[in-house]
Amino acid sequence: MQTPPTPPSPDNPEAALAAVVALRLLADRLESAAVAAALEQGWSWAQIAQALGVSKQAAHKRLSPQIPRS
């Protein structure tokens, strides 16, 4: 297993904030792909919501538009 890179110092706001943006984009892509895979594997929205620590309604409202329909 690789050691994760060290994040930039908050003392360098330009680099730190750019890292925050990159991490958010990466997290969003990972979340969408994982939700799509979970749905393909038969997971319910309730199971997905529980895994994400949100309500079923919140998970469905926020994530369902991002999931490609097959």
N, C-alpha and C. Protein backbone atom coordinates (compact mmCIF):
# COMPACT_ATOMS: atom_id res chain seq x y z
N MET A 1 0.85 -1.18 0.00
CA MET A 1 0.00 0.00 0.00
C MET A 1 0.88 1.23 0.00
N GLN A 2 0.51 2.18 -0.85
CA GLN A 2 1.28 3.41 -0.95
C GLN A 2 0.94 4.37 0.18
N THR A 3 1.92 5.15 0.57
CA THR A 3 1.70 6.21 1.54
C THR A 3 1.07 7.39 0.81
N PRO A 4 -0.03 7.92 1.35
CA PRO A 4 -0.66 9.07 0.68
C PRO A 4 0.28 10.27 0.70
N PRO A 5 0.18 11.11 -0.32
CA PRO A 5 1.04 12.30 -0.35
C PRO A 5 0.70 13.24 0.80
N THR A 6 1.69 13.98 1.21
CA THR A 6 1.49 14.98 2.27
C THR A 6 0.76 16.18 1.68
N PRO A 7 -0.33 16.59 2.31
CA PRO A 7 -1.06 17.75 1.77
C PRO A 7 -0.25 19.02 1.94
N PRO A 8 -0.55 20.02 1.13
CA PRO A 8 0.16 21.29 1.28
C PRO A 8 -0.17 21.94 2.63
N SER A 9 0.72 22.76 3.07
CA SER A 9 0.54 23.47 4.34
C SER A 9 -0.54 24.54 4.20
N PRO A 10 -1.37 24.70 5.23
CA PRO A 10 -2.35 25.79 5.22
C PRO A 10 -1.68 27.18 5.14
N ASP A 11 -0.38 27.21 5.46
CA ASP A 11 0.36 28.47 5.36
C ASP A 11 0.56 28.89 3.90
N ASN A 12 0.29 27.97 2.98
CA ASN A 12 0.35 28.28 1.55
C ASN A 12 -1.08 28.17 1.02
N PRO A 13 -1.89 29.22 1.21
CA PRO A 13 -3.31 29.13 0.86
C PRO A 13 -3.59 28.76 -0.58
N GLU A 14 -2.79 29.24 -1.52
CA GLU A 14 -3.04 28.93 -2.93
C GLU A 14 -2.95 27.43 -3.17
N ALA A 15 -1.91 26.81 -2.68
CA ALA A 15 -1.74 25.36 -2.87
C ALA A 15 -2.75 24.58 -2.05
N ALA A 16 -3.00 25.02 -0.81
CA ALA A 16 -3.94 24.30 0.06
C ALA A 16 -5.35 24.33 -0.50
N LEU A 17 -5.79 25.48 -0.99
CA LEU A 17 -7.14 25.58 -1.53
C LEU A 17 -7.28 24.83 -2.85
N ALA A 18 -6.23 24.82 -3.65
CA ALA A 18 -6.26 24.03 -4.88
C ALA A 18 -6.37 22.55 -4.54
N ALA A 19 -5.70 22.12 -3.48
CA ALA A 19 -5.79 20.73 -3.05
C ALA A 19 -7.20 20.40 -2.56
N VAL A 20 -7.84 21.32 -1.87
CA VAL A 20 -9.21 21.12 -1.40
C VAL A 20 -10.14 20.91 -2.59
N VAL A 21 -10.01 21.73 -3.62
CA VAL A 21 -10.84 21.60 -4.82
C VAL A 21 -10.61 20.24 -5.47
N ALA A 22 -9.35 19.86 -5.62
CA ALA A 22 -9.02 18.57 -6.25
C ALA A 22 -9.58 17.40 -5.44
N LEU A 23 -9.48 17.47 -4.12
CA LEU A 23 -10.00 16.40 -3.27
C LEU A 23 -11.52 16.31 -3.37
N ARG A 24 -12.19 17.44 -3.41
CA ARG A 24 -13.66 17.43 -3.53
C ARG A 24 -14.08 16.80 -4.85
N LEU A 25 -13.40 17.16 -5.94
CA LEU A 25 -13.74 16.57 -7.24
C LEU A 25 -13.50 15.06 -7.24
N LEU A 26 -12.38 14.65 -6.67
CA LEU A 26 -12.07 13.22 -6.59
C LEU A 26 -13.11 12.49 -5.74
N ALA A 27 -13.46 13.06 -4.60
CA ALA A 27 -14.46 12.44 -3.73
C ALA A 27 -15.81 12.33 -4.42
N ASP A 28 -16.21 13.36 -5.14
CA ASP A 28 -17.49 13.32 -5.87
C ASP A 28 -17.49 12.22 -6.92
N ARG A 29 -16.38 12.11 -7.67
CA ARG A 29 -16.30 11.06 -8.70
C ARG A 29 -16.32 9.67 -8.08
N LEU A 30 -15.59 9.49 -6.99
CA LEU A 30 -15.57 8.20 -6.32
C LEU A 30 -16.94 7.85 -5.76
N GLU A 31 -17.61 8.82 -5.16
CA GLU A 31 -18.94 8.60 -4.60
C GLU A 31 -19.93 8.20 -5.70
N SER A 32 -19.93 8.92 -6.81
CA SER A 32 -20.84 8.59 -7.91
C SER A 32 -20.59 7.20 -8.45
N ALA A 33 -19.33 6.85 -8.65
CA ALA A 33 -18.99 5.53 -9.18
C ALA A 33 -19.37 4.44 -8.19
N ALA A 34 -19.14 4.67 -6.91
CA ALA A 34 -19.48 3.67 -5.89
C ALA A 34 -20.99 3.49 -5.78
N VAL A 35 -21.74 4.57 -5.87
CA VAL A 35 -23.20 4.48 -5.81
C VAL A 35 -23.72 3.73 -7.04
N ALA A 36 -23.18 4.05 -8.20
CA ALA A 36 -23.60 3.33 -9.42
C ALA A 36 -23.31 1.84 -9.29
N ALA A 37 -22.14 1.49 -8.78
CA ALA A 37 -21.79 0.08 -8.60
C ALA A 37 -22.71 -0.58 -7.58
N ALA A 38 -23.01 0.12 -6.50
CA ALA A 38 -23.90 -0.43 -5.48
C ALA A 38 -25.28 -0.71 -6.07
N LEU A 39 -25.80 0.22 -6.85
CA LEU A 39 -27.11 0.02 -7.47
C LEU A 39 -27.08 -1.15 -8.45
N GLU A 40 -26.00 -1.27 -9.22
CA GLU A 40 -25.87 -2.40 -10.15
C GLU A 40 -25.82 -3.73 -9.40
N GLN A 41 -25.29 -3.70 -8.19
CA GLN A 41 -25.19 -4.92 -7.38
C GLN A 41 -26.46 -5.17 -6.55
N GLY A 42 -27.47 -4.34 -6.76
CA GLY A 42 -28.74 -4.58 -6.10
C GLY A 42 -28.95 -3.88 -4.78
N TRP A 43 -28.07 -2.97 -4.42
CA TRP A 43 -28.25 -2.23 -3.18
C TRP A 43 -29.48 -1.34 -3.29
N SER A 44 -30.14 -1.13 -2.17
CA SER A 44 -31.26 -0.18 -2.12
C SER A 44 -30.71 1.20 -1.77
N TRP A 45 -31.55 2.21 -2.01
CA TRP A 45 -31.15 3.56 -1.62
C TRP A 45 -31.00 3.66 -0.11
N ALA A 46 -31.77 2.88 0.63
CA ALA A 46 -31.64 2.88 2.10
C ALA A 46 -30.25 2.37 2.51
N GLN A 47 -29.77 1.32 1.85
CA GLN A 47 -28.44 0.79 2.17
C GLN A 47 -27.34 1.79 1.80
N ILE A 48 -27.49 2.40 0.65
CA ILE A 48 -26.51 3.41 0.22
C ILE A 48 -26.49 4.56 1.21
N ALA A 49 -27.67 5.04 1.57
CA ALA A 49 -27.77 6.15 2.51
C ALA A 49 -27.12 5.81 3.85
N GLN A 50 -27.37 4.60 4.33
CA GLN A 50 -26.78 4.19 5.61
C GLN A 50 -25.26 4.19 5.51
N ALA A 51 -24.72 3.67 4.41
CA ALA A 51 -23.27 3.63 4.23
C ALA A 51 -22.66 5.03 4.17
N LEU A 52 -23.43 5.99 3.65
CA LEU A 52 -22.96 7.37 3.55
C LEU A 52 -23.28 8.20 4.79
N GLY A 53 -24.09 7.68 5.68
CA GLY A 53 -24.43 8.40 6.90
C GLY A 53 -25.43 9.53 6.68
N VAL A 54 -26.31 9.34 5.69
CA VAL A 54 -27.35 10.33 5.41
C VAL A 54 -28.69 9.63 5.32
N SER A 55 -29.76 10.41 5.19
CA SER A 55 -31.08 9.81 5.03
C SER A 55 -31.24 9.25 3.62
N LYS A 56 -32.17 8.32 3.48
CA LYS A 56 -32.47 7.75 2.16
C LYS A 56 -32.89 8.86 1.20
N GLN A 57 -33.72 9.76 1.67
CA GLN A 57 -34.21 10.83 0.82
C GLN A 57 -33.07 11.75 0.37
N ALA A 58 -32.18 12.07 1.30
CA ALA A 58 -31.05 12.95 0.96
C ALA A 58 -30.13 12.29 -0.06
N ALA A 59 -29.84 11.01 0.14
CA ALA A 59 -28.97 10.29 -0.80
C ALA A 59 -29.59 10.25 -2.18
N HIS A 60 -30.86 9.90 -2.25
CA HIS A 60 -31.52 9.78 -3.55
C HIS A 60 -31.60 11.13 -4.25
N LYS A 61 -31.99 12.16 -3.52
CA LYS A 61 -32.14 13.49 -4.11
C LYS A 61 -30.81 14.01 -4.66
N ARG A 62 -29.73 13.82 -3.91
CA ARG A 62 -28.44 14.37 -4.31
C ARG A 62 -27.73 13.52 -5.35
N LEU A 63 -27.87 12.19 -5.26
CA LEU A 63 -27.05 11.31 -6.09
C LEU A 63 -27.75 10.73 -7.30
N SER A 64 -29.07 10.55 -7.26
CA SER A 64 -29.73 9.89 -8.38
C SER A 64 -29.57 10.63 -9.71
N PRO A 65 -29.54 11.98 -9.74
CA PRO A 65 -29.34 12.62 -11.04
C PRO A 65 -27.95 12.37 -11.65
N GLN A 66 -26.99 11.99 -10.82
CA GLN A 66 -25.62 11.76 -11.30
C GLN A 66 -25.39 10.35 -11.83
N ILE A 67 -26.34 9.44 -11.57
CA ILE A 67 -26.15 8.04 -11.92
C ILE A 67 -26.71 7.80 -13.31
N PRO A 68 -25.86 7.29 -14.22
CA PRO A 68 -26.37 7.00 -15.57
C PRO A 68 -27.44 5.91 -15.53
N ARG A 69 -28.47 6.10 -16.29
CA ARG A 69 -29.55 5.11 -16.36
C ARG A 69 -29.20 4.06 -17.41
N SER A 70 -29.41 2.78 -17.08
CA SER A 70 -29.10 1.73 -18.06
C SER A 70 -30.35 1.25 -18.76
